[in-house]
Amino acid sequence: MSACAPQEPAQRDVAEKLAAMAGLGRVENLRPLAFGRNNQGFVLTSAGGPRSFLKIYFSHPGDSRDRLGAESAFAHFARDIGETRGPRPLAVCRERNAILFEFISGRPPRPDEVGERLIAEAADFFAAINLRRDDPRAKALPEASEACFTVPAHLRLIDSRVARLAAVPASDEPARALARFVSGLLRPAWASVRERTLRRAAGEAADAAAWCSRCLSPSDFGFHNALIEHGGRVRFLDFEYAGQDDPAKTICDFFLQPAIAAPREHAGAFARRIGEALDAGSLPAARARLLFPAYAVKWACILLNEFVRVDARRRSFAQGGAGGQEGRTAQLDKAEALLRTIDTLDLNI
């Protein structure tokens, strides 16, 4: 777990405001909760109700994403259609960039638990949301963060992530190691994957390259953003990047996020459930196969977010302090290990 962000008077003030909006009464206790790498979280205990969860979002001129708006809209939509596997929103404060959710008492899944049952639960959650994708409230949801709807758009997204890392100043030894990594491994690997993706898109995967159906994506979807309640029920969290997106991106990200890995032998069943929910047959799976190596490069870049100034500030905001040189070096090792497998990496679905 990450270090907790310290409680400050401003955080107490926003807790009082949201508790009052939710009708929970006076705040009796506000305890920092280590739950992620992007925002601040607190367990709120009030006089007039059960515990709740306060989330305060990172904000910076260099990061224009409306995390609060995306998460609030997606969570409210899920509840409006009767889907209860996400958290129930209680109150929103735009002025303070914060939201209050019900508190979910549970634990993160253990890596050895992530198998057929849990992956089926995740697929069912996605399907339940997307069976109502023609609802006017669904159509009003924004595009997901970094949403892409064509193969060239997916590739441009990764181009920009590679270029962003290449522009990091070599100001200390970890940053100099990053520069060597970018020139010696990342750029050559990406050039090869990019060319191979375009060649496949023009050839055997042409149908998948041309086709795209918009889905409602929880985004950053995986078991790093899930809790298992005492009775075994799985709950899904953290919709701050959610919205309209390419279902192939959902599939790729689900099986590439490294925090609590989803075994890829279950990718076929997961992709089939997505295809059924979207009335799209095998096309989401084919498109995910096409894009999977490219998204592995994207995840290698995501692992190196600490090197990028705005992302480093977001980590510091969430965790109450910077990660330092040791943390950046560890992330560089992980990214290198992922890229070393890129020539054999595939999604066999």
Protein backbone atom coordinates (compact mmCIF):
# COMPACT_ATOMS: atom_id res chain seq x y z
CA MET A 1 0.00 0.00 0.00
CA SER A 2 1.10 3.55 -0.65
CA ALA A 3 1.94 6.04 2.07
CA CYS A 4 -1.09 8.01 3.19
CA ALA A 5 -1.48 11.68 2.37
CA PRO A 6 -1.56 13.77 5.56
CA GLN A 7 -4.84 15.28 6.70
CA GLU A 8 -5.02 19.08 6.43
CA PRO A 9 -7.63 21.65 7.54
CA ALA A 10 -8.81 22.10 3.92
CA GLN A 11 -9.52 18.38 3.71
CA ARG A 12 -11.54 18.52 6.91
CA ASP A 13 -13.52 21.43 5.50
CA VAL A 14 -14.46 19.59 2.30
CA ALA A 15 -15.37 16.51 4.36
CA GLU A 16 -17.76 18.59 6.47
CA LYS A 17 -19.29 20.14 3.34
CA LEU A 18 -19.91 16.82 1.58
CA ALA A 19 -21.18 15.09 4.72
CA ALA A 20 -23.72 17.89 5.15
CA MET A 21 -24.77 17.62 1.48
CA ALA A 22 -25.27 13.86 1.93
CA GLY A 23 -27.26 14.34 5.14
CA LEU A 24 -24.73 12.48 7.26
CA GLY A 25 -24.36 15.08 9.97
CA ARG A 26 -21.23 16.24 11.75
CA VAL A 27 -17.90 14.58 10.85
CA GLU A 28 -16.53 12.74 13.86
CA ASN A 29 -13.37 11.33 12.28
CA LEU A 30 -11.46 11.66 9.01
CA ARG A 31 -8.75 9.08 8.45
CA PRO A 32 -6.36 9.07 5.46
CA LEU A 33 -6.58 5.89 3.43
CA ALA A 34 -3.80 4.65 1.16
CA PHE A 35 -5.70 3.50 -1.91
CA GLY A 36 -4.03 4.74 -5.09
CA ARG A 37 -1.40 6.77 -6.87
CA ASN A 38 -3.44 9.62 -8.35
CA ASN A 39 -5.73 11.18 -5.74
CA GLN A 40 -6.30 11.47 -2.00
CA GLY A 41 -8.71 9.19 -0.13
CA PHE A 42 -10.16 9.33 3.39
CA VAL A 43 -12.49 7.23 5.49
CA LEU A 44 -15.13 9.55 6.92
CA THR A 45 -17.08 8.68 10.07
CA SER A 46 -20.06 10.89 10.84
CA ALA A 47 -22.63 11.25 13.57
CA GLY A 48 -25.61 10.55 11.33
CA GLY A 49 -24.69 7.56 9.24
CA PRO A 50 -22.29 4.75 8.35
CA ARG A 51 -18.72 5.29 7.21
CA SER A 52 -18.20 6.86 3.79
CA PHE A 53 -15.26 7.39 1.46
CA LEU A 54 -14.03 10.86 0.55
CA LYS A 55 -12.03 11.23 -2.66
CA ILE A 56 -10.21 14.48 -3.49
CA TYR A 57 -8.89 14.68 -7.04
CA PHE A 58 -5.54 15.96 -8.22
CA SER A 59 -5.76 19.17 -10.23
CA HIS A 60 -3.01 20.87 -12.26
CA PRO A 61 -2.95 23.17 -15.33
CA GLY A 62 -0.79 20.60 -17.10
CA ASP A 63 -3.42 17.87 -16.66
CA SER A 64 -6.75 18.90 -18.15
CA ARG A 65 -8.66 15.67 -17.49
CA ASP A 66 -11.93 16.10 -15.63
CA ARG A 67 -11.49 13.16 -13.28
CA LEU A 68 -14.34 14.16 -10.97
CA GLY A 69 -16.75 14.71 -13.85
CA ALA A 70 -15.94 11.38 -15.48
CA GLU A 71 -16.19 9.34 -12.30
CA SER A 72 -19.32 11.05 -11.03
CA ALA A 73 -21.13 10.66 -14.36
CA PHE A 74 -20.21 6.98 -14.74
CA ALA A 75 -21.01 6.06 -11.13
CA HIS A 76 -24.36 7.85 -11.23
CA PHE A 77 -25.26 6.19 -14.54
CA ALA A 78 -24.44 2.74 -13.16
CA ARG A 79 -26.65 3.32 -10.13
CA ASP A 80 -29.45 4.80 -12.24
CA ILE A 81 -29.68 1.57 -14.26
CA GLY A 82 -29.58 -0.62 -11.13
CA GLU A 83 -25.96 -1.81 -11.39
CA THR A 84 -24.65 -1.99 -7.81
CA ARG A 85 -21.18 -3.47 -8.29
CA GLY A 86 -19.75 0.05 -8.45
CA PRO A 87 -19.73 2.41 -5.43
CA ARG A 88 -22.82 4.51 -4.68
CA PRO A 89 -22.08 8.26 -4.96
CA LEU A 90 -23.47 10.29 -2.05
CA ALA A 91 -22.47 13.89 -2.80
CA VAL A 92 -20.30 15.87 -5.23
CA CYS A 93 -18.51 19.17 -4.67
CA ARG A 94 -17.23 20.68 -7.91
CA GLU A 95 -15.82 23.70 -6.10
CA ARG A 96 -13.47 21.51 -4.03
CA ASN A 97 -12.92 18.83 -6.72
CA ALA A 98 -14.18 16.08 -4.40
CA ILE A 99 -16.79 13.34 -4.18
CA LEU A 100 -18.24 11.29 -1.32
CA PHE A 101 -19.02 7.61 -1.91
CA GLU A 102 -20.44 4.86 0.23
CA PHE A 103 -17.64 3.05 2.06
CA ILE A 104 -17.05 -0.45 0.71
CA SER A 105 -15.68 -2.78 3.34
CA GLY A 106 -13.53 -5.28 1.53
CA ARG A 107 -10.03 -6.33 0.60
CA PRO A 108 -8.05 -6.32 -2.66
CA PRO A 109 -8.06 -9.62 -4.53
CA ARG A 110 -4.98 -11.77 -4.04
CA PRO A 111 -3.13 -12.52 -7.28
CA ASP A 112 -3.79 -16.25 -6.84
CA GLU A 113 -7.56 -15.56 -6.67
CA VAL A 114 -7.69 -13.86 -10.06
CA GLY A 115 -9.02 -16.60 -12.28
CA GLU A 116 -12.14 -17.70 -14.10
CA ARG A 117 -14.71 -16.59 -11.48
CA LEU A 118 -13.37 -13.09 -10.86
CA ILE A 119 -12.71 -12.43 -14.55
CA ALA A 120 -16.28 -13.53 -15.34
CA GLU A 121 -17.51 -11.06 -12.68
CA ALA A 122 -15.57 -8.27 -14.37
CA ALA A 123 -16.95 -9.23 -17.79
CA ASP A 124 -20.49 -9.32 -16.37
CA PHE A 125 -20.04 -5.84 -14.90
CA PHE A 126 -18.89 -4.52 -18.28
CA ALA A 127 -21.80 -6.29 -20.01
CA ALA A 128 -24.40 -4.93 -17.58
CA ILE A 129 -23.23 -1.37 -18.20
CA ASN A 130 -23.13 -1.82 -21.97
CA LEU A 131 -26.50 -3.50 -22.32
CA ARG A 132 -27.85 0.00 -21.59
CA ARG A 133 -25.44 1.85 -23.89
CA ASP A 134 -28.32 3.20 -26.02
CA ASP A 135 -29.91 4.88 -23.01
CA PRO A 136 -29.82 8.69 -23.46
CA ARG A 137 -27.93 8.92 -20.15
CA ALA A 138 -25.27 6.59 -21.54
CA LYS A 139 -24.97 8.60 -24.76
CA ALA A 140 -24.42 11.71 -22.63
CA LEU A 141 -21.33 10.23 -20.96
CA PRO A 142 -18.05 11.84 -22.08
CA GLU A 143 -15.32 10.13 -24.03
CA ALA A 144 -12.94 8.16 -21.82
CA SER A 145 -9.49 9.50 -21.06
CA GLU A 146 -7.25 8.85 -24.10
CA ALA A 147 -10.20 7.42 -26.03
CA CYS A 148 -9.29 6.20 -29.52
CA PHE A 149 -11.60 4.97 -32.28
CA THR A 150 -9.25 4.24 -35.21
CA VAL A 151 -6.00 2.29 -35.46
CA PRO A 152 -4.03 5.44 -36.43
CA ALA A 153 -5.45 7.22 -33.37
CA HIS A 154 -4.28 4.40 -31.09
CA LEU A 155 -0.81 4.60 -32.62
CA ARG A 156 -0.68 8.40 -32.31
CA LEU A 157 -1.54 8.08 -28.63
CA ILE A 158 1.48 5.86 -28.07
CA ASP A 159 3.65 8.10 -30.28
CA SER A 160 2.86 10.94 -27.88
CA ARG A 161 3.72 8.90 -24.79
CA VAL A 162 7.07 7.85 -26.25
CA ALA A 163 7.83 11.44 -27.26
CA ARG A 164 6.94 12.69 -23.78
CA LEU A 165 9.46 10.35 -22.18
CA ALA A 166 12.10 11.31 -24.75
CA ALA A 167 11.68 14.96 -23.72
CA VAL A 168 12.42 14.36 -20.00
CA PRO A 169 15.55 16.37 -19.03
CA ALA A 170 18.54 14.20 -18.03
CA SER A 171 18.83 15.99 -14.68
CA ASP A 172 19.98 13.10 -12.49
CA GLU A 173 21.13 9.50 -12.82
CA PRO A 174 17.65 7.90 -13.06
CA ALA A 175 16.72 10.44 -15.76
CA ARG A 176 19.95 9.70 -17.63
CA ALA A 177 19.13 5.99 -17.38
CA LEU A 178 15.70 6.80 -18.81
CA ALA A 179 17.31 8.59 -21.76
CA ARG A 180 19.44 5.51 -22.46
CA PHE A 181 16.36 3.28 -22.17
CA VAL A 182 14.34 5.46 -24.57
CA SER A 183 17.04 5.59 -27.25
CA GLY A 184 18.33 2.04 -26.84
CA LEU A 185 15.14 0.03 -26.27
CA LEU A 186 11.85 1.97 -26.22
CA ARG A 187 12.11 3.77 -29.55
CA PRO A 188 13.41 0.74 -31.51
CA ALA A 189 10.78 -1.54 -29.95
CA TRP A 190 7.99 0.94 -30.69
CA ALA A 191 9.14 1.45 -34.29
CA SER A 192 9.02 -2.32 -34.84
CA VAL A 193 5.62 -2.78 -33.15
CA ARG A 194 4.16 0.23 -34.95
CA GLU A 195 5.25 -1.00 -38.38
CA ARG A 196 4.01 -4.53 -37.64
CA THR A 197 0.61 -3.21 -36.46
CA LEU A 198 0.15 -1.14 -39.61
CA ARG A 199 1.15 -4.10 -41.79
CA ARG A 200 -1.32 -6.39 -40.03
CA ALA A 201 -4.04 -3.72 -40.19
CA ALA A 202 -3.60 -3.56 -43.96
CA GLY A 203 -3.56 -7.34 -44.32
CA GLU A 204 -5.04 -10.17 -42.34
CA ALA A 205 -6.59 -7.91 -39.67
CA ALA A 206 -8.18 -5.43 -42.10
CA ASP A 207 -11.74 -6.04 -40.85
CA ALA A 208 -10.71 -5.46 -37.24
CA ALA A 209 -8.75 -2.35 -38.20
CA ALA A 210 -11.72 -0.81 -39.98
CA TRP A 211 -14.34 -1.73 -37.38
CA CYS A 212 -14.95 0.04 -34.10
CA SER A 213 -18.04 0.03 -31.91
CA ARG A 214 -18.13 2.49 -29.03
CA CYS A 215 -18.48 0.91 -25.62
CA LEU A 216 -18.97 2.32 -22.15
CA SER A 217 -15.61 1.61 -20.54
CA PRO A 218 -14.85 1.80 -16.81
CA SER A 219 -11.31 2.52 -18.04
CA ASP A 220 -8.25 1.57 -15.98
CA PHE A 221 -10.37 -1.55 -15.48
CA GLY A 222 -8.80 -4.40 -13.57
CA PHE A 223 -8.40 -6.03 -10.18
CA HIS A 224 -6.12 -3.25 -8.92
CA ASN A 225 -9.39 -1.30 -8.82
CA ALA A 226 -11.56 -3.93 -7.14
CA LEU A 227 -12.46 -5.08 -3.64
CA ILE A 228 -13.87 -8.39 -2.44
CA GLU A 229 -16.51 -8.01 0.24
CA HIS A 230 -16.78 -10.37 3.22
CA GLY A 231 -19.37 -12.55 1.45
CA GLY A 232 -17.21 -12.85 -1.68
CA ARG A 233 -18.95 -10.28 -3.86
CA VAL A 234 -16.63 -8.28 -6.14
CA ARG A 235 -16.99 -4.50 -6.29
CA PHE A 236 -15.32 -2.31 -8.92
CA LEU A 237 -13.89 1.15 -8.20
CA ASP A 238 -12.11 4.19 -9.63
CA PHE A 239 -13.93 5.39 -12.74
CA GLU A 240 -12.06 8.69 -13.09
CA TYR A 241 -10.99 7.86 -16.67
CA ALA A 242 -14.33 6.24 -17.67
CA GLY A 243 -16.49 6.98 -20.68
CA GLN A 244 -17.00 6.16 -24.35
CA ASP A 245 -14.11 4.17 -25.83
CA ASP A 246 -12.98 1.37 -28.14
CA PRO A 247 -13.76 -2.03 -26.52
CA ALA A 248 -10.44 -3.39 -27.81
CA LYS A 249 -8.64 -0.86 -25.62
CA THR A 250 -10.63 -2.13 -22.63
CA ILE A 251 -9.55 -5.71 -23.39
CA CYS A 252 -5.88 -4.80 -23.92
CA ASP A 253 -5.67 -2.69 -20.76
CA PHE A 254 -7.47 -5.31 -18.66
CA PHE A 255 -4.83 -7.94 -19.49
CA LEU A 256 -1.81 -5.62 -19.44
CA GLN A 257 -2.21 -3.61 -16.22
CA PRO A 258 0.56 -4.98 -14.00
CA ALA A 259 -0.62 -4.32 -10.44
CA ILE A 260 -2.83 -7.42 -10.03
CA ALA A 261 -2.43 -9.28 -13.29
CA ALA A 262 -5.32 -11.00 -15.05
CA PRO A 263 -4.05 -14.33 -16.50
CA ARG A 264 -4.21 -14.17 -20.28
CA GLU A 265 -5.56 -17.69 -20.66
CA HIS A 266 -8.93 -16.17 -19.72
CA ALA A 267 -8.75 -13.43 -22.37
CA GLY A 268 -10.82 -15.41 -24.87
CA ALA A 269 -13.80 -15.80 -22.53
CA PHE A 270 -13.55 -12.16 -21.46
CA ALA A 271 -13.43 -10.91 -25.07
CA ARG A 272 -16.34 -13.15 -26.11
CA ARG A 273 -18.49 -11.70 -23.31
CA ILE A 274 -17.65 -8.19 -24.48
CA GLY A 275 -18.49 -9.11 -28.07
CA GLU A 276 -21.85 -10.53 -26.95
CA ALA A 277 -22.69 -7.46 -24.88
CA LEU A 278 -21.96 -5.18 -27.85
CA ASP A 279 -23.64 -7.43 -30.47
CA ALA A 280 -20.26 -7.39 -32.21
CA GLY A 281 -19.34 -11.06 -32.35
CA SER A 282 -15.61 -11.76 -32.60
CA LEU A 283 -14.57 -8.31 -33.84
CA PRO A 284 -13.57 -6.87 -30.42
CA ALA A 285 -11.28 -9.89 -29.90
CA ALA A 286 -9.73 -9.50 -33.36
CA ARG A 287 -9.13 -5.80 -32.85
CA ALA A 288 -7.61 -6.45 -29.40
CA ARG A 289 -5.23 -9.02 -30.96
CA LEU A 290 -4.17 -6.43 -33.49
CA LEU A 291 -3.52 -3.72 -30.90
CA PHE A 292 -2.16 -5.80 -28.02
CA PRO A 293 1.61 -5.38 -28.68
CA ALA A 294 1.11 -1.63 -29.19
CA TYR A 295 -0.69 -1.38 -25.87
CA ALA A 296 2.13 -3.28 -24.19
CA VAL A 297 4.40 -0.43 -25.30
CA LYS A 298 1.87 2.03 -23.90
CA TRP A 299 1.97 0.25 -20.54
CA ALA A 300 5.77 0.35 -20.53
CA CYS A 301 5.40 4.13 -20.88
CA ILE A 302 2.76 4.28 -18.12
CA LEU A 303 5.18 2.53 -15.77
CA LEU A 304 7.50 5.52 -16.26
CA ASN A 305 5.00 8.25 -15.37
CA GLU A 306 7.09 9.21 -12.32
CA PHE A 307 9.68 10.67 -14.70
CA VAL A 308 7.14 13.16 -16.12
CA ARG A 309 6.76 16.29 -14.01
CA VAL A 310 2.96 16.54 -13.91
CA ASP A 311 2.56 12.82 -13.21
CA ALA A 312 5.20 12.98 -10.47
CA ARG A 313 3.28 15.84 -8.85
CA ARG A 314 0.08 13.78 -8.98
CA ARG A 315 1.85 10.89 -7.21
CA SER A 316 3.16 13.30 -4.58
CA PHE A 317 -0.34 14.76 -4.09
CA ALA A 318 -1.83 11.29 -3.59
CA GLN A 319 0.90 9.88 -1.37
CA GLY A 320 2.07 12.90 0.61
CA GLY A 321 5.59 12.87 -0.81
CA ALA A 322 7.67 12.21 -3.92
CA GLY A 323 8.83 8.74 -4.91
CA GLY A 324 12.50 9.68 -5.21
CA GLN A 325 15.29 8.13 -7.27
CA GLU A 326 14.80 4.59 -5.97
CA GLY A 327 11.16 4.51 -7.05
CA ARG A 328 11.96 5.75 -10.56
CA THR A 329 14.73 3.18 -10.98
CA ALA A 330 12.38 0.37 -9.93
CA GLN A 331 9.78 1.51 -12.47
CA LEU A 332 12.44 1.65 -15.18
CA ASP A 333 13.38 -1.96 -14.43
CA LYS A 334 9.72 -3.01 -14.80
CA ALA A 335 9.32 -1.20 -18.10
CA GLU A 336 12.50 -2.77 -19.46
CA ALA A 337 11.34 -6.25 -18.43
CA LEU A 338 8.04 -5.73 -20.27
CA LEU A 339 9.70 -4.48 -23.46
CA ARG A 340 12.17 -7.38 -23.48
CA THR A 341 9.17 -9.67 -24.13
CA ILE A 342 7.61 -7.52 -26.86
CA ASP A 343 8.59 -9.70 -29.83
CA THR A 344 6.81 -12.73 -28.38
CA LEU A 345 3.89 -10.87 -26.79
CA ASP A 346 0.48 -11.74 -28.17
CA LEU A 347 -3.11 -12.10 -27.04
CA ASN A 348 -4.18 -15.59 -28.05
CA ILE A 349 -7.93 -15.10 -28.41
